[in-house]
PDB file of N, CA and C in Angstrom:
ATOM      1  N   MET A   1      13.448 119.696 149.199  1.00  0.00           N
ATOM      2  CA  MET A   1      14.497 119.060 149.961  1.00  0.00           C
ATOM      3  C   MET A   1      14.135 117.588 150.151  1.00  0.00           C
ATOM      4  N   SER A   2      15.055 116.690 149.815  1.00  0.00           N
ATOM      5  CA  SER A   2      14.744 115.267 149.797  1.00  0.00           C
ATOM      6  C   SER A   2      14.754 114.620 151.173  1.00  0.00           C
ATOM      7  N   GLY A   3      15.519 115.127 152.107  1.00  0.00           N
ATOM      8  CA  GLY A   3      15.595 114.536 153.427  1.00  0.00           C
ATOM      9  C   GLY A   3      16.681 113.477 153.554  1.00  0.00           C
ATOM     10  N   GLU A   4      17.146 112.924 152.432  1.00  0.00           N
ATOM     11  CA  GLU A   4      18.212 111.936 152.478  1.00  0.00           C
ATOM     12  C   GLU A   4      19.553 112.635 152.335  1.00  0.00           C
ATOM     13  N   SER A   5      20.474 112.238 153.145  1.00  0.00           N
ATOM     14  CA  SER A   5      21.803 112.837 153.144  1.00  0.00           C
ATOM     15  C   SER A   5      22.544 112.534 151.845  1.00  0.00           C
ATOM     16  N   GLU A   6      23.260 113.510 151.349  1.00  0.00           N
ATOM     17  CA  GLU A   6      24.143 113.293 150.195  1.00  0.00           C
ATOM     18  C   GLU A   6      25.164 112.205 150.521  1.00  0.00           C
ATOM     19  N   TYR A   7      25.634 112.199 151.767  1.00  0.00           N
ATOM     20  CA  TYR A   7      26.639 111.226 152.202  1.00  0.00           C
ATOM     21  C   TYR A   7      26.152 109.799 151.978  1.00  0.00           C
ATOM     22  N   LEU A   8      24.892 109.537 152.260  1.00  0.00           N
ATOM     23  CA  LEU A   8      24.361 108.190 152.139  1.00  0.00           C
ATOM     24  C   LEU A   8      24.349 107.683 150.703  1.00  0.00           C
ATOM     25  N   ARG A   9      24.376 108.583 149.746  1.00  0.00           N
ATOM     26  CA  ARG A   9      24.380 108.188 148.339  1.00  0.00           C
ATOM     27  C   ARG A   9      25.784 108.017 147.783  1.00  0.00           C
ATOM     28  N   ARG A  10      26.796 108.391 148.545  1.00  0.00           N
ATOM     29  CA  ARG A  10      28.178 108.274 148.061  1.00  0.00           C
ATOM     30  C   ARG A  10      28.647 106.823 148.140  1.00  0.00           C
ATOM     31  N   PRO A  11      29.322 106.338 147.086  1.00  0.00           N
ATOM     32  CA  PRO A  11      29.818 104.953 147.106  1.00  0.00           C
ATOM     33  C   PRO A  11      30.784 104.682 148.258  1.00  0.00           C
ATOM     34  N   ASP A  12      31.539 105.688 148.659  1.00  0.00           N
ATOM     35  CA  ASP A  12      32.513 105.482 149.730  1.00  0.00           C
ATOM     36  C   ASP A  12      31.863 105.435 151.110  1.00  0.00           C
ATOM     37  N   ALA A  13      30.578 105.676 151.191  1.00  0.00           N
ATOM     38  CA  ALA A  13      29.875 105.595 152.472  1.00  0.00           C
ATOM     39  C   ALA A  13      29.437 104.169 152.797  1.00  0.00           C
ATOM     40  N   ALA A  14      29.511 103.280 151.826  1.00  0.00           N
ATOM     41  CA  ALA A  14      29.011 101.914 152.020  1.00  0.00           C
ATOM     42  C   ALA A  14      29.675 101.211 153.195  1.00  0.00           C
ATOM     43  N   GLY A  15      30.967 101.407 153.383  1.00  0.00           N
ATOM     44  CA  GLY A  15      31.667 100.762 154.488  1.00  0.00           C
ATOM     45  C   GLY A  15      31.172 101.247 155.835  1.00  0.00           C
ATOM     46  N   HIS A  16      31.035 102.550 155.970  1.00  0.00           N
ATOM     47  CA  HIS A  16      30.565 103.122 157.229  1.00  0.00           C
ATOM     48  C   HIS A  16      29.133 102.664 157.508  1.00  0.00           C
ATOM     49  N   LEU A  17      28.308 102.653 156.481  1.00  0.00           N
ATOM     50  CA  LEU A  17      26.925 102.206 156.656  1.00  0.00           C
ATOM     51  C   LEU A  17      26.859 100.740 157.065  1.00  0.00           C
ATOM     52  N   LYS A  18      27.757  99.916 156.520  1.00  0.00           N
ATOM     53  CA  LYS A  18      27.808  98.500 156.893  1.00  0.00           C
ATOM     54  C   LYS A  18      28.201  98.361 158.363  1.00  0.00           C
ATOM     55  N   VAL A  19      29.166  99.159 158.811  1.00  0.00           N
ATOM     56  CA  VAL A  19      29.564  99.118 160.219  1.00  0.00           C
ATOM     57  C   VAL A  19      28.381  99.485 161.108  1.00  0.00           C
ATOM     58  N   LEU A  20      27.664 100.542 160.756  1.00  0.00           N
ATOM     59  CA  LEU A  20      26.497 100.944 161.548  1.00  0.00           C
ATOM     60  C   LEU A  20      25.448  99.832 161.586  1.00  0.00           C
ATOM     61  N   GLU A  21      25.188  99.219 160.439  1.00  0.00           N
ATOM     62  CA  GLU A  21      24.230  98.109 160.364  1.00  0.00           C
ATOM     63  C   GLU A  21      24.659  96.960 161.276  1.00  0.00           C
ATOM     64  N   CYS A  22      25.941  96.616 161.232  1.00  0.00           N
ATOM     65  CA  CYS A  22      26.440  95.503 162.044  1.00  0.00           C
ATOM     66  C   CYS A  22      26.415  95.828 163.534  1.00  0.00           C
ATOM     67  N   LEU A  23      26.708  97.065 163.893  1.00  0.00           N
ATOM     68  CA  LEU A  23      26.642  97.443 165.304  1.00  0.00           C
ATOM     69  C   LEU A  23      25.223  97.302 165.833  1.00  0.00           C
ATOM     70  N   ARG A  24      24.246  97.658 165.032  1.00  0.00           N
ATOM     71  CA  ARG A  24      22.849  97.522 165.455  1.00  0.00           C
ATOM     72  C   ARG A  24      22.444  96.052 165.550  1.00  0.00           C
ATOM     73  N   LYS A  25      22.930  95.256 164.634  1.00  0.00           N
ATOM     74  CA  LYS A  25      22.641  93.825 164.657  1.00  0.00           C
ATOM     75  C   LYS A  25      23.346  93.166 165.854  1.00  0.00           C
ATOM     76  N   TRP A  26      24.554  93.621 166.155  1.00  0.00           N
ATOM     77  CA  TRP A  26      25.332  93.092 167.282  1.00  0.00           C
ATOM     78  C   TRP A  26      24.611  93.385 168.595  1.00  0.00           C
ATOM     79  N   ASP A  27      24.211  94.632 168.802  1.00  0.00           N
ATOM     80  CA  ASP A  27      23.426  95.077 169.964  1.00  0.00           C
ATOM     81  C   ASP A  27      23.841  94.375 171.258  1.00  0.00           C
ATOM     82  N   PRO A  28      25.076  94.597 171.715  1.00  0.00           N
ATOM     83  CA  PRO A  28      25.623  93.817 172.824  1.00  0.00           C
ATOM     84  C   PRO A  28      24.905  93.966 174.164  1.00  0.00           C
ATOM     85  N   ILE A  29      24.181  95.050 174.364  1.00  0.00           N
ATOM     86  CA  ILE A  29      23.461  95.192 175.632  1.00  0.00           C
ATOM     87  C   ILE A  29      21.957  94.993 175.453  1.00  0.00           C
ATOM     88  N   GLY A  30      21.549  94.633 174.239  1.00  0.00           N
ATOM     89  CA  GLY A  30      20.166  94.238 173.998  1.00  0.00           C
ATOM     90  C   GLY A  30      19.133  95.348 174.023  1.00  0.00           C
ATOM     91  N   VAL A  31      19.531  96.575 173.707  1.00  0.00           N
ATOM     92  CA  VAL A  31      18.558  97.671 173.774  1.00  0.00           C
ATOM     93  C   VAL A  31      17.449  97.527 172.743  1.00  0.00           C
ATOM     94  N   PHE A  32      17.757  96.959 171.578  1.00  0.00           N
ATOM     95  CA  PHE A  32      16.739  96.837 170.539  1.00  0.00           C
ATOM     96  C   PHE A  32      15.785  95.678 170.837  1.00  0.00           C
ATOM     97  N   ASP A  33      16.264  94.673 171.581  1.00  0.00           N
ATOM     98  CA  ASP A  33      15.376  93.600 172.039  1.00  0.00           C
ATOM     99  C   ASP A  33      14.426  94.133 173.107  1.00  0.00           C
ATOM    100  N   PHE A  34      14.936  95.028 173.929  1.00  0.00           N
ATOM    101  CA  PHE A  34      14.174  95.612 175.028  1.00  0.00           C
ATOM    102  C   PHE A  34      13.109  96.579 174.514  1.00  0.00           C
ATOM    103  N   ASP A  35      13.495  97.395 173.509  1.00  0.00           N
ATOM    104  CA  ASP A  35      12.584  98.436 173.011  1.00  0.00           C
ATOM    105  C   ASP A  35      12.873  98.686 171.538  1.00  0.00           C
ATOM    106  N   ALA A  36      11.999  98.216 170.665  1.00  0.00           N
ATOM    107  CA  ALA A  36      12.185  98.358 169.217  1.00  0.00           C
ATOM    108  C   ALA A  36      12.252  99.818 168.778  1.00  0.00           C
ATOM    109  N   ASN A  37      11.746 100.721 169.608  1.00  0.00           N
ATOM    110  CA  ASN A  37      11.781 102.146 169.269  1.00  0.00           C
ATOM    111  C   ASN A  37      13.004 102.866 169.840  1.00  0.00           C
ATOM    112  N   TRP A  38      13.925 102.105 170.406  1.00  0.00           N
ATOM    113  CA  TRP A  38      15.141 102.695 170.963  1.00  0.00           C
ATOM    114  C   TRP A  38      15.861 103.466 169.856  1.00  0.00           C
ATOM    115  N   PRO A  39      16.468 104.617 170.172  1.00  0.00           N
ATOM    116  CA  PRO A  39      17.185 105.378 169.143  1.00  0.00           C
ATOM    117  C   PRO A  39      18.246 104.523 168.436  1.00  0.00           C
ATOM    118  N   GLN A  40      18.210 104.557 167.122  1.00  0.00           N
ATOM    119  CA  GLN A  40      19.088 103.712 166.310  1.00  0.00           C
ATOM    120  C   GLN A  40      20.577 104.061 166.430  1.00  0.00           C
ATOM    121  N   ASP A  41      20.877 105.187 167.037  1.00  0.00           N
ATOM    122  CA  ASP A  41      22.278 105.614 167.105  1.00  0.00           C
ATOM    123  C   ASP A  41      23.001 105.156 168.374  1.00  0.00           C
ATOM    124  N   GLU A  42      22.439 104.205 169.098  1.00  0.00           N
ATOM    125  CA  GLU A  42      22.991 103.753 170.378  1.00  0.00           C
ATOM    126  C   GLU A  42      24.483 103.422 170.297  1.00  0.00           C
ATOM    127  N   TYR A  43      24.915 102.779 169.225  1.00  0.00           N
ATOM    128  CA  TYR A  43      26.304 102.318 169.119  1.00  0.00           C
ATOM    129  C   TYR A  43      27.115 103.084 168.065  1.00  0.00           C
ATOM    130  N   ASP A  44      26.530 104.100 167.475  1.00  0.00           N
ATOM    131  CA  ASP A  44      27.190 104.820 166.380  1.00  0.00           C
ATOM    132  C   ASP A  44      28.532 105.434 166.779  1.00  0.00           C
ATOM    133  N   GLY A  45      28.686 105.785 168.034  1.00  0.00           N
ATOM    134  CA  GLY A  45      29.925 106.402 168.492  1.00  0.00           C
ATOM    135  C   GLY A  45      31.138 105.497 168.346  1.00  0.00           C
ATOM    136  N   TYR A  46      30.923 104.218 168.202  1.00  0.00           N
ATOM    137  CA  TYR A  46      32.027 103.275 168.040  1.00  0.00           C
ATOM    138  C   TYR A  46      32.408 103.074 166.574  1.00  0.00           C
ATOM    139  N   SER A  47      31.608 103.566 165.669  1.00  0.00           N
ATOM    140  CA  SER A  47      31.778 103.250 164.249  1.00  0.00           C
ATOM    141  C   SER A  47      33.039 103.837 163.628  1.00  0.00           C
ATOM    142  N   ALA A  48      33.392 105.059 163.958  1.00  0.00           N
ATOM    143  CA  ALA A  48      34.563 105.683 163.316  1.00  0.00           C
ATOM    144  C   ALA A  48      35.843 104.917 163.633  1.00  0.00           C
ATOM    145  N   THR A  49      36.003 104.502 164.873  1.00  0.00           N
ATOM    146  CA  THR A  49      37.195 103.728 165.236  1.00  0.00           C
ATOM    147  C   THR A  49      37.199 102.385 164.523  1.00  0.00           C
ATOM    148  N   ILE A  50      36.052 101.744 164.435  1.00  0.00           N
ATOM    149  CA  ILE A  50      35.974 100.453 163.750  1.00  0.00           C
ATOM    150  C   ILE A  50      36.292 100.612 162.274  1.00  0.00           C
ATOM    151  N   VAL A  51      35.815 101.673 161.649  1.00  0.00           N
ATOM    152  CA  VAL A  51      36.141 101.938 160.247  1.00  0.00           C
ATOM    153  C   VAL A  51      37.660 102.095 160.091  1.00  0.00           C
ATOM    154  N   ARG A  52      38.278 102.865 160.985  1.00  0.00           N
ATOM    155  CA  ARG A  52      39.745 103.048 160.905  1.00  0.00           C
ATOM    156  C   ARG A  52      40.478 101.723 161.074  1.00  0.00           C
ATOM    157  N   LEU A  53      40.023 100.902 162.013  1.00  0.00           N
ATOM    158  CA  LEU A  53      40.658  99.601 162.218  1.00  0.00           C
ATOM    159  C   LEU A  53      40.505  98.706 160.986  1.00  0.00           C
ATOM    160  N   LEU A  54      39.329  98.691 160.402  1.00  0.00           N
ATOM    161  CA  LEU A  54      39.102  97.897 159.196  1.00  0.00           C
ATOM    162  C   LEU A  54      39.955  98.416 158.038  1.00  0.00           C
ATOM    163  N   ASP A  55      40.044  99.718 157.894  1.00  0.00           N
ATOM    164  CA  ASP A  55      40.891 100.293 156.850  1.00  0.00           C
ATOM    165  C   ASP A  55      42.359  99.923 157.038  1.00  0.00           C
ATOM    166  N   ALA A  56      42.759  99.770 158.292  1.00  0.00           N
ATOM    167  CA  ALA A  56      44.148  99.418 158.601  1.00  0.00           C
ATOM    168  C   ALA A  56      44.404  97.913 158.449  1.00  0.00           C
ATOM    169  N   GLY A  57      43.357  97.141 158.146  1.00  0.00           N
ATOM    170  CA  GLY A  57      43.526  95.714 157.904  1.00  0.00           C
ATOM    171  C   GLY A  57      43.464  94.848 159.145  1.00  0.00           C
ATOM    172  N   ILE A  58      42.703  95.263 160.137  1.00  0.00           N
ATOM    173  CA  ILE A  58      42.584  94.490 161.370  1.00  0.00           C
ATOM    174  C   ILE A  58      42.130  93.064 161.070  1.00  0.00           C
ATOM    175  N   SER A  59      42.669  92.108 161.809  1.00  0.00           N
ATOM    176  CA  SER A  59      42.261  90.713 161.659  1.00  0.00           C
ATOM    177  C   SER A  59      40.928  90.497 162.381  1.00  0.00           C
ATOM    178  N   THR A  60      40.267  89.419 162.028  1.00  0.00           N
ATOM    179  CA  THR A  60      39.006  89.074 162.692  1.00  0.00           C
ATOM    180  C   THR A  60      39.233  88.899 164.190  1.00  0.00           C
ATOM    181  N   GLU A  61      40.307  88.214 164.551  1.00  0.00           N
ATOM    182  CA  GLU A  61      40.596  87.964 165.963  1.00  0.00           C
ATOM    183  C   GLU A  61      40.797  89.272 166.726  1.00  0.00           C
ATOM    184  N   ASP A  62      41.527  90.206 166.128  1.00  0.00           N
ATOM    185  CA  ASP A  62      41.766  91.482 166.803  1.00  0.00           C
ATOM    186  C   ASP A  62      40.500  92.333 166.874  1.00  0.00           C
ATOM    187  N   LEU A  63      39.644  92.227 165.861  1.00  0.00           N
ATOM    188  CA  LEU A  63      38.381  92.953 165.920  1.00  0.00           C
ATOM    189  C   LEU A  63      37.481  92.365 167.006  1.00  0.00           C
ATOM    190  N   ILE A  64      37.496  91.059 167.150  1.00  0.00           N
ATOM    191  CA  ILE A  64      36.741  90.426 168.244  1.00  0.00           C
ATOM    192  C   ILE A  64      37.229  90.983 169.580  1.00  0.00           C
ATOM    193  N   LYS A  65      38.540  91.048 169.756  1.00  0.00           N
ATOM    194  CA  LYS A  65      39.100  91.591 171.003  1.00  0.00           C
ATOM    195  C   LYS A  65      38.648  93.030 171.222  1.00  0.00           C
ATOM    196  N   HIS A  66      38.681  93.827 170.161  1.00  0.00           N
ATOM    197  CA  HIS A  66      38.271  95.232 170.266  1.00  0.00           C
ATOM    198  C   HIS A  66      36.800  95.335 170.675  1.00  0.00           C
ATOM    199  N   LEU A  67      35.950  94.558 170.036  1.00  0.00           N
ATOM    200  CA  LEU A  67      34.521  94.593 170.364  1.00  0.00           C
ATOM    201  C   LEU A  67      34.271  94.108 171.797  1.00  0.00           C
ATOM    202  N   ARG A  68      35.009  93.084 172.217  1.00  0.00           N
ATOM    203  CA  ARG A  68      34.870  92.606 173.603  1.00  0.00           C
ATOM    204  C   ARG A  68      35.259  93.697 174.594  1.00  0.00           C
ATOM    205  N   GLU A  69      36.325  94.435 174.286  1.00  0.00           N
ATOM    206  CA  GLU A  69      36.751  95.529 175.165  1.00  0.00           C
ATOM    207  C   GLU A  69      35.670  96.598 175.267  1.00  0.00           C
ATOM    208  N   ILE A  70      35.031  96.901 174.149  1.00  0.00           N
ATOM    209  CA  ILE A  70      33.939  97.884 174.166  1.00  0.00           C
ATOM    210  C   ILE A  70      32.871  97.447 175.164  1.00  0.00           C
ATOM    211  N   VAL A  71      32.465  96.186 175.063  1.00  0.00           N
ATOM    212  CA  VAL A  71      31.387  95.689 175.922  1.00  0.00           C
ATOM    213  C   VAL A  71      31.822  95.638 177.383  1.00  0.00           C
ATOM    214  N   GLU A  72      32.973  95.063 177.615  1.00  0.00           N
ATOM    215  CA  GLU A  72      33.401  94.816 178.991  1.00  0.00           C
ATOM    216  C   GLU A  72      33.895  96.083 179.695  1.00  0.00           C
ATOM    217  N   GLN A  73      34.638  96.928 178.981  1.00  0.00           N
ATOM    218  CA  GLN A  73      35.213  98.112 179.614  1.00  0.00           C
ATOM    219  C   GLN A  73      34.308  99.337 179.517  1.00  0.00           C
ATOM    220  N   ASN A  74      33.729  99.567 178.362  1.00  0.00           N
ATOM    221  CA  ASN A  74      32.917 100.773 178.177  1.00  0.00           C
ATOM    222  C   ASN A  74      31.482 100.612 178.659  1.00  0.00           C
ATOM    223  N   MET A  75      30.944  99.390 178.490  1.00  0.00           N
ATOM    224  CA  MET A  75      29.549  99.169 178.836  1.00  0.00           C
ATOM    225  C   MET A  75      29.383  98.438 180.162  1.00  0.00           C
ATOM    226  N   GLY A  76      30.480  97.893 180.677  1.00  0.00           N
ATOM    227  CA  GLY A  76      30.420  97.185 181.949  1.00  0.00           C
ATOM    228  C   GLY A  76      29.537  95.962 181.919  1.00  0.00           C
ATOM    229  N   SER A  77      29.546  95.281 180.792  1.00  0.00           N
ATOM    230  CA  SER A  77      28.686  94.114 180.625  1.00  0.00           C
ATOM    231  C   SER A  77      29.534  92.926 180.195  1.00  0.00           C
ATOM    232  N   THR A  78      28.903  91.770 180.086  1.00  0.00           N
ATOM    233  CA  THR A  78      29.593  90.599 179.569  1.00  0.00           C
ATOM    234  C   THR A  78      29.318  90.485 178.075  1.00  0.00           C
ATOM    235  N   CYS A  79      30.248  89.881 177.385  1.00  0.00           N
ATOM    236  CA  CYS A  79      30.187  89.823 175.934  1.00  0.00           C
ATOM    237  C   CYS A  79      29.687  88.460 175.462  1.00  0.00           C
ATOM    238  N   ASN A  80      28.758  88.467 174.526  1.00  0.00           N
ATOM    239  CA  ASN A  80      28.318  87.253 173.854  1.00  0.00           C
ATOM    240  C   ASN A  80      29.362  86.956 172.782  1.00  0.00           C
ATOM    241  N   VAL A  81      30.272  86.040 173.083  1.00  0.00           N
ATOM    242  CA  VAL A  81      31.418  85.782 172.214  1.00  0.00           C
ATOM    243  C   VAL A  81      30.982  85.271 170.844  1.00  0.00           C
ATOM    244  N   GLU A  82      29.972  84.415 170.810  1.00  0.00           N
ATOM    245  CA  GLU A  82      29.510  83.858 169.533  1.00  0.00           C
ATOM    246  C   GLU A  82      28.974  84.963 168.613  1.00  0.00           C
ATOM    247  N   LYS A  83      28.127  85.804 169.146  1.00  0.00           N
ATOM    248  CA  LYS A  83      27.549  86.891 168.347  1.00  0.00           C
ATOM    249  C   LYS A  83      28.626  87.905 167.948  1.00  0.00           C
ATOM    250  N   THR A  84      29.525  88.207 168.873  1.00  0.00           N
ATOM    251  CA  THR A  84      30.608  89.151 168.601  1.00  0.00           C
ATOM    252  C   THR A  84      31.525  88.608 167.516  1.00  0.00           C
ATOM    253  N   SER A  85      31.848  87.328 167.583  1.00  0.00           N
ATOM    254  CA  SER A  85      32.706  86.704 166.573  1.00  0.00           C
ATOM    255  C   SER A  85      32.051  86.740 165.205  1.00  0.00           C
ATOM    256  N   SER A  86      30.752  86.478 165.168  1.00  0.00           N
ATOM    257  CA  SER A  86      30.013  86.501 163.910  1.00  0.00           C
ATOM    258  C   SER A  86      30.032  87.894 163.281  1.00  0.00           C
ATOM    259  N   ILE A  87      29.806  88.912 164.095  1.00  0.00           N
ATOM    260  CA  ILE A  87      29.807  90.296 163.594  1.00  0.00           C
ATOM    261  C   ILE A  87      31.197  90.683 163.110  1.00  0.00           C
ATOM    262  N   ALA A  88      32.233  90.316 163.864  1.00  0.00           N
ATOM    263  CA  ALA A  88      33.606  90.643 163.462  1.00  0.00           C
ATOM    264  C   ALA A  88      33.948  89.981 162.127  1.00  0.00           C
ATOM    265  N   ARG A  89      33.594  88.700 161.983  1.00  0.00           N
ATOM    266  CA  ARG A  89      33.840  88.008 160.709  1.00  0.00           C
ATOM    267  C   ARG A  89      33.105  88.685 159.560  1.00  0.00           C
ATOM    268  N   GLU A  90      31.841  89.009 159.792  1.00  0.00           N
ATOM    269  CA  GLU A  90      31.048  89.660 158.749  1.00  0.00           C
ATOM    270  C   GLU A  90      31.692  90.969 158.308  1.00  0.00           C
ATOM    271  N   LEU A  91      32.138  91.769 159.274  1.00  0.00           N
ATOM    272  CA  LEU A  91      32.740  93.057 158.933  1.00  0.00           C
ATOM    273  C   LEU A  91      34.068  92.900 158.198  1.00  0.00           C
ATOM    274  N   VAL A  92      34.936  92.027 158.677  1.00  0.00           N
ATOM    275  CA  VAL A  92      36.247  91.850 158.037  1.00  0.00           C
ATOM    276  C   VAL A  92      36.073  91.298 156.629  1.00  0.00           C
ATOM    277  N   GLU A  93      35.189  90.314 156.463  1.00  0.00           N
ATOM    278  CA  GLU A  93      34.950  89.749 155.130  1.00  0.00           C
ATOM    279  C   GLU A  93      34.355  90.788 154.189  1.00  0.00           C
ATOM    280  N   PHE A  94      33.375  91.548 154.677  1.00  0.00           N
ATOM    281  CA  PHE A  94      32.787  92.610 153.860  1.00  0.00           C
ATOM    282  C   PHE A  94      33.867  93.601 153.441  1.00  0.00           C
ATOM    283  N   TRP A  95      34.672  94.031 154.399  1.00  0.00           N
ATOM    284  CA  TRP A  95      35.663  95.074 154.138  1.00  0.00           C
ATOM    285  C   TRP A  95      36.664  94.625 153.080  1.00  0.00           C
ATOM    286  N   LYS A  96      37.110  93.378 153.181  1.00  0.00           N
ATOM    287  CA  LYS A  96      38.075  92.863 152.193  1.00  0.00           C
ATOM    288  C   LYS A  96      37.465  92.852 150.799  1.00  0.00           C
ATOM    289  N   LYS A  97      36.221  92.400 150.701  1.00  0.00           N
ATOM    290  CA  LYS A  97      35.558  92.379 149.390  1.00  0.00           C
ATOM    291  C   LYS A  97      35.309  93.795 148.894  1.00  0.00           C
ATOM    292  N   TRP A  98      34.854  94.660 149.784  1.00  0.00           N
ATOM    293  CA  TRP A  98      34.520  96.031 149.401  1.00  0.00           C
ATOM    294  C   TRP A  98      35.764  96.786 148.954  1.00  0.00           C
ATOM    295  N   LYS A  99      36.867  96.538 149.612  1.00  0.00           N
ATOM    296  CA  LYS A  99      38.123  97.208 149.257  1.00  0.00           C
ATOM    297  C   LYS A  99      38.926  96.426 148.234  1.00  0.00           C
ATOM    298  N   ASN A 100      38.351  95.296 147.764  1.00  0.00           N
ATOM    299  CA  ASN A 100      39.010  94.431 146.790  1.00  0.00           C
ATOM    300  C   ASN A 100      40.378  93.962 147.250  1.00  0.00           C
ATOM    301  N   VAL A 101      40.430  93.536 148.496  1.00  0.00           N
ATOM    302  CA  VAL A 101      41.675  93.028 149.059  1.00  0.00           C
ATOM    303  C   VAL A 101      41.544  91.522 149.163  1.00  0.00           C
ATOM    304  N   GLU A 102      42.473  90.820 148.575  1.00  0.00           N
ATOM    305  CA  GLU A 102      42.466  89.369 148.647  1.00  0.00           C
ATOM    306  C   GLU A 102      42.934  88.909 150.026  1.00  0.00           C
ATOM    307  N   PRO A 103      42.342  87.829 150.550  1.00  0.00           N
ATOM    308  CA  PRO A 103      42.804  87.298 151.836  1.00  0.00           C
ATOM    309  C   PRO A 103      44.293  86.984 151.790  1.00  0.00           C
ATOM    310  N   GLY A 104      44.979  87.391 152.840  1.00  0.00           N
ATOM    311  CA  GLY A 104      46.430  87.160 152.924  1.00  0.00           C
ATOM    312  C   GLY A 104      47.234  88.154 152.114  1.00  0.00           C
ATOM    313  N   GLY A 105      46.576  89.107 151.491  1.00  0.00           N
ATOM    314  CA  GLY A 105      47.312  90.020 150.618  1.00  0.00           C
ATOM    315  C   GLY A 105      47.208  91.438 151.016  1.00  0.00           C
TER     316      GLY A 105
END
């Protein structure tokens, strides 16, 4: 038994994996800065909705709003707008390239 999930080797998993990577990099409440051994799945529960929004063609601005709502409403914290904007841009740009969607199209 290899230990690696079949899902992780599927080409269609790349988008979901990118979302998970970006959520960990975003780390809006700083758990990974606080403790490098913190469980990596801290923000995974938000990934499915973000994948659906990206698939639906969400704009960068609307994704920023969505991420801010997560932080402010679900986590009861303040949002680092610069970091959140950067993550939203990265995800939207990745998604368009990954899905071969031209900007504005």
